[in-house]
Amino acid sequence: MSQNYNETEVKLYMPDLAAIQQRLEVVGAVLTAPRVYERNVRYDNKERTMTPHGMVVRLREDTRVRLTYKDDGRVENGITSRFEAEVEVSDFAAMETILAKLGYTPYLTYEKYRTTYELDGTEVVLDEMPYGNFIEIEGDRDSIGRVIDMLEVGDARRYEGSYSTLFGRVKQKLGLKFNDLTFANFQKVTVSAEDFET
């Protein structure tokens, strides 16, 4: 069986996730994973050459542990396509040790709460990030377009970058000195939509 290692998705800024959750229920979306806390650690090599080239090695822990690799993507109409391969592992700490032995070191830790739905052949996730709320819709381009229409979010701001890219912009705009995208770090920080812009 051949595996499709392509990820195609759009990221939309959406401060009011409760309204989107209601809309998802109205249009018949299926809740596939209730709200869960997620901890992510992104790694880079010792030369720090991966991140500037859009290459991602990420270890994620929520109800399970997954190791992910992504290449830099291409963007068309705010929809990003990129290579992505992911594998589930049994032990976060053991995988951290393996990555360290291979020469990778943590580059960024980021947290979120994620709720996952399925709608019209797409995966729709509601992400509560420390600096704001977002929707990601993953599927083929046609399905993404249909779901954007179904959810009536065509006017929402689209962001091509990853959450860590957006974090870099926010840090620069607000002069933040911390290096991790955690709820504790953003406890007393207010972020506006304009702070995500280049």
Protein backbone atom coordinates (compact mmCIF):
# COMPACT_ATOMS: atom_id res chain seq x y z
CA MET A 1 0.00 0.00 0.00
CA SER A 2 1.45 3.37 -0.99
CA GLN A 3 1.57 6.14 1.59
CA ASN A 4 0.72 9.73 0.73
CA TYR A 5 3.32 11.92 2.41
CA ASN A 6 1.81 15.21 1.26
CA GLU A 7 0.18 17.62 3.70
CA THR A 8 -2.08 20.32 2.25
CA GLU A 9 -3.67 22.75 4.67
CA VAL A 10 -4.79 26.29 5.33
CA LYS A 11 -4.34 28.16 8.61
CA LEU A 12 -6.97 30.78 9.52
CA TYR A 13 -6.88 33.25 12.41
CA MET A 14 -10.13 32.85 14.35
CA PRO A 15 -10.44 34.56 17.74
CA ASP A 16 -13.98 33.18 18.34
CA LEU A 17 -13.60 29.40 18.23
CA ALA A 18 -16.92 28.88 20.04
CA ALA A 19 -18.80 30.28 17.03
CA ILE A 20 -16.87 27.99 14.70
CA GLN A 21 -17.60 25.01 16.94
CA GLN A 22 -21.32 25.79 16.69
CA ARG A 23 -21.05 26.14 12.91
CA LEU A 24 -19.23 22.79 12.67
CA GLU A 25 -22.10 21.13 14.51
CA VAL A 26 -24.70 22.82 12.27
CA VAL A 27 -23.04 21.56 9.07
CA GLY A 28 -22.66 18.01 10.41
CA ALA A 29 -18.96 17.81 11.23
CA VAL A 30 -17.93 14.77 13.27
CA LEU A 31 -15.89 15.29 16.43
CA THR A 32 -12.98 12.85 16.11
CA ALA A 33 -10.83 14.02 19.04
CA PRO A 34 -12.11 16.13 21.95
CA ARG A 35 -10.08 19.06 23.26
CA VAL A 36 -6.65 17.89 24.36
CA TYR A 37 -3.47 19.55 25.60
CA GLU A 38 -0.50 19.17 23.27
CA ARG A 39 3.20 19.68 23.94
CA ASN A 40 5.50 19.99 20.93
CA VAL A 41 9.28 20.19 20.78
CA ARG A 42 10.95 21.22 17.53
CA TYR A 43 14.55 20.18 16.97
CA ASP A 44 17.40 21.44 14.86
CA ASN A 45 20.91 20.21 14.09
CA LYS A 46 23.90 21.72 15.88
CA GLU A 47 24.56 24.09 12.95
CA ARG A 48 20.95 25.39 13.19
CA THR A 49 20.52 25.03 9.41
CA MET A 50 17.21 23.13 9.32
CA THR A 51 14.79 25.73 10.65
CA PRO A 52 15.85 28.55 8.27
CA HIS A 53 15.25 26.14 5.36
CA GLY A 54 11.76 25.18 6.53
CA MET A 55 12.74 21.67 7.62
CA VAL A 56 10.96 20.44 10.73
CA VAL A 57 11.76 17.59 13.12
CA ARG A 58 9.07 17.62 15.80
CA LEU A 59 8.23 15.45 18.78
CA ARG A 60 4.59 15.81 19.85
CA GLU A 61 2.81 14.51 22.92
CA ASP A 62 -0.94 14.56 23.50
CA THR A 63 -2.85 11.30 24.03
CA ARG A 64 0.04 9.61 22.18
CA VAL A 65 3.60 10.47 21.10
CA ARG A 66 4.54 11.15 17.46
CA LEU A 67 7.74 12.05 15.65
CA THR A 68 7.25 14.16 12.51
CA TYR A 69 9.46 15.35 9.68
CA LYS A 70 8.34 18.12 7.29
CA ASP A 71 9.99 19.81 4.31
CA ASP A 72 9.59 23.43 3.32
CA GLY A 73 6.25 23.90 1.53
CA ARG A 74 4.85 25.77 -1.43
CA VAL A 75 1.95 28.18 -1.01
CA GLU A 76 -0.91 28.84 -3.42
CA ASN A 77 -3.83 31.11 -2.45
CA GLY A 78 -2.90 30.80 1.21
CA ILE A 79 -2.99 26.98 1.08
CA THR A 80 0.30 25.28 1.95
CA SER A 81 1.45 21.92 0.55
CA ARG A 82 4.51 20.16 1.89
CA PHE A 83 6.07 16.75 2.46
CA GLU A 84 5.20 15.32 5.86
CA ALA A 85 6.01 11.91 7.34
CA GLU A 86 4.97 10.95 10.85
CA VAL A 87 5.40 7.89 13.03
CA GLU A 88 3.99 7.04 16.44
CA VAL A 89 6.52 6.20 19.15
CA SER A 90 5.91 4.65 22.55
CA ASP A 91 8.09 6.82 24.78
CA PHE A 92 8.66 10.60 24.62
CA ALA A 93 11.76 10.57 26.86
CA ALA A 94 13.38 7.70 24.95
CA MET A 95 12.77 9.47 21.62
CA GLU A 96 14.29 12.68 23.05
CA THR A 97 17.38 10.66 23.98
CA ILE A 98 17.62 9.13 20.50
CA LEU A 99 17.33 12.56 18.85
CA ALA A 100 20.06 13.93 21.15
CA LYS A 101 22.34 11.00 20.28
CA LEU A 102 21.75 11.79 16.58
CA GLY A 103 22.90 15.37 17.16
CA TYR A 104 19.53 17.15 17.36
CA THR A 105 18.82 19.69 20.09
CA PRO A 106 15.54 21.37 21.10
CA TYR A 107 14.94 24.56 19.14
CA LEU A 108 11.48 25.51 20.37
CA THR A 109 8.81 24.17 22.71
CA TYR A 110 5.24 25.13 21.95
CA GLU A 111 1.91 24.27 23.53
CA LYS A 112 -1.66 24.25 22.38
CA TYR A 113 -5.11 22.87 23.06
CA ARG A 114 -6.56 21.15 19.99
CA THR A 115 -10.06 19.92 19.11
CA THR A 116 -10.38 17.83 15.94
CA TYR A 117 -13.30 17.37 13.56
CA GLU A 118 -13.86 15.62 10.25
CA LEU A 119 -15.92 17.40 7.59
CA ASP A 120 -16.40 16.68 3.90
CA GLY A 121 -13.15 14.74 3.51
CA THR A 122 -11.06 17.20 5.53
CA GLU A 123 -9.65 17.36 9.02
CA VAL A 124 -10.65 20.58 10.78
CA VAL A 125 -8.73 21.44 13.94
CA LEU A 126 -9.47 24.23 16.38
CA ASP A 127 -6.19 25.33 17.92
CA GLU A 128 -5.99 27.41 21.09
CA MET A 129 -2.44 28.78 21.01
CA PRO A 130 -0.82 30.86 23.75
CA TYR A 131 -0.98 33.92 21.45
CA GLY A 132 -4.42 33.37 19.85
CA ASN A 133 -6.89 30.98 18.25
CA PHE A 134 -6.67 29.40 14.80
CA ILE A 135 -8.40 26.89 12.55
CA GLU A 136 -6.44 24.52 10.35
CA ILE A 137 -8.22 22.70 7.54
CA GLU A 138 -6.31 19.81 5.98
CA GLY A 139 -7.34 17.89 2.86
CA ASP A 140 -7.15 18.34 -0.89
CA ARG A 141 -7.49 21.86 -2.29
CA ASP A 142 -11.06 21.42 -3.53
CA SER A 143 -12.26 20.02 -0.20
CA ILE A 144 -10.52 22.81 1.70
CA GLY A 145 -12.33 25.38 -0.45
CA ARG A 146 -15.71 23.73 0.12
CA VAL A 147 -15.19 23.55 3.88
CA ILE A 148 -14.14 27.21 4.03
CA ASP A 149 -17.47 28.03 2.34
CA MET A 150 -19.45 25.69 4.61
CA LEU A 151 -17.93 27.28 7.72
CA GLU A 152 -18.36 30.79 6.28
CA VAL A 153 -14.77 31.73 7.08
CA GLY A 154 -13.69 32.96 3.65
CA ASP A 155 -12.91 36.42 5.04
CA ALA A 156 -10.69 35.14 7.87
CA ARG A 157 -6.99 36.03 7.73
CA ARG A 158 -4.87 33.26 6.20
CA TYR A 159 -1.36 32.61 7.40
CA GLU A 160 1.19 30.71 5.35
CA GLY A 161 3.74 30.24 8.11
CA SER A 162 3.89 27.65 10.85
CA TYR A 163 2.98 28.49 14.43
CA SER A 164 6.68 28.93 15.14
CA THR A 165 7.02 31.35 12.20
CA LEU A 166 4.12 33.38 13.58
CA PHE A 167 5.77 33.24 17.01
CA GLY A 168 8.92 34.78 15.50
CA ARG A 169 6.87 37.66 14.07
CA VAL A 170 5.08 38.25 17.39
CA LYS A 171 8.39 38.19 19.28
CA GLN A 172 9.85 40.78 16.93
CA LYS A 173 6.78 43.06 16.95
CA LEU A 174 6.38 43.00 20.72
CA GLY A 175 10.06 42.77 21.66
CA LEU A 176 9.60 39.51 23.57
CA LYS A 177 12.73 37.88 24.97
CA PHE A 178 11.51 34.36 25.81
CA ASN A 179 12.15 31.47 23.41
CA ASP A 180 9.21 29.13 23.96
CA LEU A 181 5.59 29.43 22.87
CA THR A 182 3.97 28.43 26.16
CA PHE A 183 0.85 29.54 27.99
CA ALA A 184 2.97 30.56 30.98
CA ASN A 185 5.11 32.89 28.84
CA PHE A 186 2.06 34.58 27.30
CA GLN A 187 0.09 34.91 30.53
CA LYS A 188 0.51 38.71 30.63
CA VAL A 189 1.01 39.36 26.90
CA THR A 190 -1.76 40.67 24.64
CA VAL A 191 -1.40 39.82 20.95
CA SER A 192 -3.45 41.43 18.16
CA ALA A 193 -4.00 40.15 14.61
CA GLU A 194 -1.58 42.78 13.31
CA ASP A 195 1.22 41.30 15.41
CA PHE A 196 1.23 38.20 13.16
CA GLU A 197 1.86 40.23 10.01
CA THR A 198 5.30 40.67 8.45
